[in-house]
Amino acid sequence: MFDVVLVDDEQIILDGLSRAFPWAQYGCRVVDTAVDGRQGLSVVHQKRPHLLLTDIRMPNLDGLQMIASLKSEFPSLQITVLTAFRDFDYARQAIRLGVCRYLLKPSRMEELHEAVAAMTMALTPGGPSDLGTDEHEDPEAGSFVARAAIRYIDEHYAEHLSLSDVAEHVYVSQWHLSKLINRFAKQSFFDLLNDRRIQRAREMLADPMFRVSEVAYAVGYADVAHFSRIFKKETGKTPVEFRAGIR
């Protein structure tokens, strides 16, 4: 039996899909529904369904990011998008990220039948495949998530930033994000974060108007001594020595 999760911010659509579609005909059962994207992500992590039918234009959620996050963490998950958002480039990106079908509302019943048939056929022959991370991860989805995480770090490195903060932003677990950053950036999260901070610190130290303590706080370090240790580890010089060398 294939487990299905439905996500849409319109309850009438959830009710209709749950009750009107003959899921049993395809060896499927609806195990849960969600009324927004964040709830949907939580449900997928809890229920580990084999199939997901979801809208992607919901409040406070980037649809492409959601798709990439799910496909990178759960590569066996079969996803069909059911949306009123008519944008060819968006649909093309969604397909590239691993979506099985991209259906426009209002969808015809035969389109839904074809989508569900395609998703069940894509799963392991002979029975449901085991949803979870494995050696067959989707590189496109993983790259999408890693790039989004790195952009977020680039924009927020000066803040008190943790791996948990970034993972929450890109909708994956801390463990999975750590693995993706190591794979695509060839660095750990903390090395990447320190690189961004020290790069900016070097620029600021070239301006004598900034004190070392001001530079440390501006790039995200709450402790000047810690900043100095990291700076010397990265550059081979203390901030004072670095500044003296560029005069």
Protein backbone atom coordinates (compact mmCIF):
# COMPACT_ATOMS: atom_id res chain seq x y z
CA MET A 1 0.00 0.00 0.00
CA PHE A 2 1.35 3.43 -0.98
CA ASP A 3 0.86 6.23 1.55
CA VAL A 4 -0.26 9.64 0.27
CA VAL A 5 -0.11 13.12 1.79
CA LEU A 6 -2.13 16.02 0.38
CA VAL A 7 -1.17 19.68 0.92
CA ASP A 8 -3.32 22.65 -0.11
CA ASP A 9 -4.48 25.84 1.58
CA GLU A 10 -8.00 25.30 0.24
CA GLN A 11 -9.86 22.83 2.45
CA ILE A 12 -12.43 22.13 -0.26
CA ILE A 13 -9.67 20.81 -2.53
CA LEU A 14 -8.27 18.62 0.23
CA ASP A 15 -11.72 17.20 0.93
CA GLY A 16 -12.38 16.61 -2.75
CA LEU A 17 -9.08 14.85 -3.40
CA SER A 18 -9.40 12.73 -0.28
CA ARG A 19 -12.95 11.53 -0.92
CA ALA A 20 -13.56 11.70 -4.67
CA PHE A 21 -10.40 10.16 -6.06
CA PRO A 22 -10.29 6.34 -6.12
CA TRP A 23 -6.97 5.93 -4.30
CA ALA A 24 -7.50 2.23 -3.61
CA GLN A 25 -7.58 1.60 -7.35
CA TYR A 26 -3.85 2.40 -7.39
CA GLY A 27 -3.03 0.68 -4.14
CA CYS A 28 -2.91 4.00 -2.29
CA ARG A 29 -4.34 5.50 0.86
CA VAL A 30 -4.38 9.10 2.10
CA VAL A 31 -2.63 9.07 5.48
CA ASP A 32 -2.76 12.81 6.21
CA THR A 33 -3.46 16.28 4.85
CA ALA A 34 -2.04 19.74 5.56
CA VAL A 35 -3.39 23.23 4.96
CA ASP A 36 -0.10 25.04 4.38
CA GLY A 37 3.42 24.30 3.30
CA ARG A 38 5.09 24.35 6.69
CA GLN A 39 2.53 21.96 8.11
CA GLY A 40 2.97 19.84 5.01
CA LEU A 41 6.72 19.59 5.54
CA SER A 42 6.14 18.51 9.11
CA VAL A 43 3.61 15.88 8.04
CA VAL A 44 5.96 14.46 5.40
CA HIS A 45 8.73 14.12 7.98
CA GLN A 46 6.35 12.42 10.40
CA LYS A 47 4.39 10.15 8.06
CA ARG A 48 7.06 9.41 5.41
CA PRO A 49 4.56 9.04 2.54
CA HIS A 50 5.40 7.57 -0.84
CA LEU A 51 3.32 10.13 -2.79
CA LEU A 52 2.76 13.85 -2.26
CA LEU A 53 0.21 16.02 -4.05
CA THR A 54 0.79 19.65 -3.18
CA ASP A 55 0.12 23.23 -4.11
CA ILE A 56 3.23 25.44 -4.26
CA ARG A 57 1.81 28.97 -4.00
CA MET A 58 1.01 29.07 -0.31
CA PRO A 59 1.67 31.78 2.29
CA ASN A 60 5.16 31.99 3.85
CA LEU A 61 6.62 29.20 1.77
CA ASP A 62 8.74 29.09 -1.37
CA GLY A 63 7.41 26.25 -3.49
CA LEU A 64 10.62 25.45 -5.37
CA GLN A 65 12.60 25.47 -2.13
CA MET A 66 10.09 23.08 -0.57
CA ILE A 67 10.31 20.70 -3.53
CA ALA A 68 14.11 20.77 -3.59
CA SER A 69 14.32 20.23 0.16
CA LEU A 70 11.99 17.24 0.09
CA LYS A 71 13.62 15.63 -2.94
CA SER A 72 17.12 16.10 -1.56
CA GLU A 73 16.18 14.56 1.78
CA PHE A 74 13.66 11.99 0.50
CA PRO A 75 14.72 11.05 -3.04
CA SER A 76 12.13 8.26 -3.37
CA LEU A 77 9.22 10.62 -2.69
CA GLN A 78 6.99 11.03 -5.75
CA ILE A 79 5.59 14.58 -6.04
CA THR A 80 2.81 16.00 -8.17
CA VAL A 81 2.19 19.74 -8.07
CA LEU A 82 -1.42 20.87 -8.30
CA THR A 83 -1.54 24.64 -8.63
CA ALA A 84 -3.16 27.65 -10.26
CA PHE A 85 0.27 29.24 -10.79
CA ARG A 86 0.75 29.39 -14.55
CA ASP A 87 4.42 30.07 -15.16
CA PHE A 88 6.35 27.96 -17.66
CA ASP A 89 9.82 28.68 -16.22
CA TYR A 90 8.62 27.84 -12.72
CA ALA A 91 7.10 24.59 -13.92
CA ARG A 92 10.29 23.70 -15.79
CA GLN A 93 12.38 24.26 -12.66
CA ALA A 94 9.98 22.16 -10.62
CA ILE A 95 10.26 19.28 -13.10
CA ARG A 96 14.05 19.59 -13.09
CA LEU A 97 14.00 19.33 -9.30
CA GLY A 98 12.21 16.01 -9.48
CA VAL A 99 8.48 16.70 -9.67
CA CYS A 100 6.66 13.91 -11.48
CA ARG A 101 3.77 16.02 -12.80
CA TYR A 102 2.88 19.74 -12.78
CA LEU A 103 -0.91 20.08 -13.06
CA LEU A 104 -2.83 23.32 -13.37
CA LYS A 105 -6.05 23.93 -11.46
CA PRO A 106 -8.75 23.13 -12.21
CA SER A 107 -7.37 19.75 -13.21
CA ARG A 108 -9.36 17.15 -15.09
CA MET A 109 -9.90 13.81 -13.39
CA GLU A 110 -8.02 11.98 -16.15
CA GLU A 111 -4.96 14.14 -15.46
CA LEU A 112 -5.03 13.14 -11.80
CA HIS A 113 -5.40 9.48 -12.76
CA GLU A 114 -2.41 9.73 -15.08
CA ALA A 115 -0.31 11.50 -12.43
CA VAL A 116 -1.05 8.94 -9.72
CA ALA A 117 -0.44 6.08 -12.14
CA ALA A 118 2.92 7.60 -13.11
CA MET A 119 3.97 8.10 -9.50
CA THR A 120 3.09 4.57 -8.43
CA MET A 121 4.83 3.14 -11.50
CA ALA A 122 7.98 5.08 -10.59
CA LEU A 123 8.21 3.40 -7.22
CA THR A 124 10.00 0.11 -6.64
CA PRO A 125 8.31 -2.72 -8.58
CA GLY A 126 6.52 -5.18 -6.41
CA GLY A 127 5.66 -2.86 -3.55
CA PRO A 128 6.21 0.49 -1.92
CA SER A 129 9.77 1.72 -1.78
CA ASP A 130 11.21 2.74 1.56
CA LEU A 131 11.17 6.53 1.81
CA GLY A 132 14.32 8.00 3.27
CA THR A 133 17.82 9.21 2.48
CA ASP A 134 19.86 6.77 0.41
CA GLU A 135 22.76 6.60 -2.00
CA HIS A 136 20.52 7.67 -4.89
CA GLU A 137 19.98 11.25 -3.80
CA ASP A 138 18.89 13.76 -6.42
CA PRO A 139 21.97 15.92 -7.20
CA GLU A 140 19.88 18.73 -8.72
CA ALA A 141 17.72 19.05 -5.62
CA GLY A 142 20.71 18.81 -3.30
CA SER A 143 22.55 21.50 -5.23
CA PHE A 144 19.48 23.75 -5.12
CA VAL A 145 19.27 23.42 -1.33
CA ALA A 146 23.01 23.96 -0.84
CA ARG A 147 22.97 27.10 -3.01
CA ALA A 148 20.02 28.49 -1.07
CA ALA A 149 21.78 27.80 2.22
CA ILE A 150 24.99 29.47 1.05
CA ARG A 151 23.05 32.53 -0.15
CA TYR A 152 21.42 32.76 3.27
CA ILE A 153 24.81 32.54 4.98
CA ASP A 154 26.17 35.25 2.66
CA GLU A 155 23.29 37.53 3.60
CA HIS A 156 23.26 36.81 7.35
CA TYR A 157 26.85 35.95 8.31
CA ALA A 158 27.09 39.06 10.51
CA GLU A 159 24.25 37.83 12.71
CA HIS A 160 24.31 35.21 15.47
CA LEU A 161 23.86 32.45 12.91
CA SER A 162 23.60 28.74 13.63
CA LEU A 163 23.30 25.67 11.46
CA SER A 164 19.80 25.27 12.87
CA ASP A 165 18.83 28.75 11.63
CA VAL A 166 19.96 27.98 8.10
CA ALA A 167 18.39 24.51 8.08
CA GLU A 168 15.05 26.00 9.11
CA HIS A 169 15.29 28.51 6.28
CA VAL A 170 15.83 25.84 3.61
CA TYR A 171 13.41 23.30 5.17
CA VAL A 172 15.78 20.41 5.84
CA SER A 173 17.26 18.81 8.95
CA GLN A 174 20.52 20.10 10.40
CA TRP A 175 22.19 16.78 9.72
CA HIS A 176 21.14 16.76 6.08
CA LEU A 177 22.14 20.38 5.52
CA SER A 178 25.55 19.77 7.06
CA LYS A 179 26.05 16.91 4.62
CA LEU A 180 24.96 19.01 1.63
CA ILE A 181 27.22 21.93 2.52
CA ASN A 182 30.19 19.60 2.92
CA ARG A 183 29.42 17.99 -0.43
CA PHE A 184 28.80 21.09 -2.54
CA ALA A 185 30.94 23.72 -0.78
CA LYS A 186 33.73 21.31 0.21
CA GLN A 187 33.67 22.92 3.66
CA SER A 188 31.87 22.50 6.93
CA PHE A 189 29.17 24.98 7.89
CA PHE A 190 31.41 26.65 10.46
CA ASP A 191 34.37 26.90 8.09
CA LEU A 192 32.12 28.45 5.45
CA LEU A 193 30.66 30.90 7.95
CA ASN A 194 34.09 31.88 9.25
CA ASP A 195 35.38 32.35 5.70
CA ARG A 196 32.61 34.84 4.95
CA ARG A 197 33.20 36.70 8.20
CA ILE A 198 36.98 36.88 7.84
CA GLN A 199 36.71 37.97 4.21
CA ARG A 200 34.58 40.92 5.29
CA ALA A 201 36.85 41.60 8.26
CA ARG A 202 39.86 41.92 5.94
CA GLU A 203 38.00 44.53 3.93
CA MET A 204 37.03 46.49 7.04
CA LEU A 205 40.52 46.35 8.56
CA ALA A 206 41.85 48.13 5.49
CA ASP A 207 39.94 51.18 6.70
CA PRO A 208 41.71 52.71 9.75
CA MET A 209 38.51 54.33 10.96
CA PHE A 210 37.30 50.95 12.29
CA ARG A 211 38.69 49.64 15.53
CA VAL A 212 39.42 45.90 15.76
CA SER A 213 36.59 45.45 18.25
CA GLU A 214 34.17 47.21 15.89
CA VAL A 215 35.22 44.93 13.05
CA ALA A 216 34.76 41.85 15.21
CA TYR A 217 31.21 42.80 16.20
CA ALA A 218 30.31 43.93 12.69
CA VAL A 219 31.14 40.55 11.14
CA GLY A 220 29.35 38.45 13.75
CA TYR A 221 31.80 37.76 16.59
CA ALA A 222 30.66 38.64 20.09
CA ASP A 223 34.12 38.13 21.58
CA VAL A 224 37.17 40.05 20.28
CA ALA A 225 39.66 37.45 21.51
CA HIS A 226 37.76 34.69 19.69
CA PHE A 227 37.68 36.83 16.54
CA SER A 228 41.44 37.36 16.77
CA ARG A 229 42.09 33.63 17.11
CA ILE A 230 39.90 32.78 14.12
CA PHE A 231 41.43 35.61 12.08
CA LYS A 232 44.98 34.40 12.76
CA LYS A 233 43.99 30.83 11.96
CA GLU A 234 42.55 31.94 8.62
CA THR A 235 45.20 34.50 7.61
CA GLY A 236 48.31 33.66 9.61
CA LYS A 237 48.24 37.08 11.26
CA THR A 238 46.38 38.78 14.07
CA PRO A 239 44.03 41.61 13.05
CA VAL A 240 46.58 44.15 14.32
CA GLU A 241 49.41 42.51 12.37
CA PHE A 242 47.25 42.32 9.25
CA ARG A 243 46.38 46.00 9.49
CA ALA A 244 50.01 46.97 10.04
CA GLY A 245 51.03 44.98 6.97
CA ILE A 246 48.74 46.88 4.60
CA ARG A 247 49.75 50.38 5.65
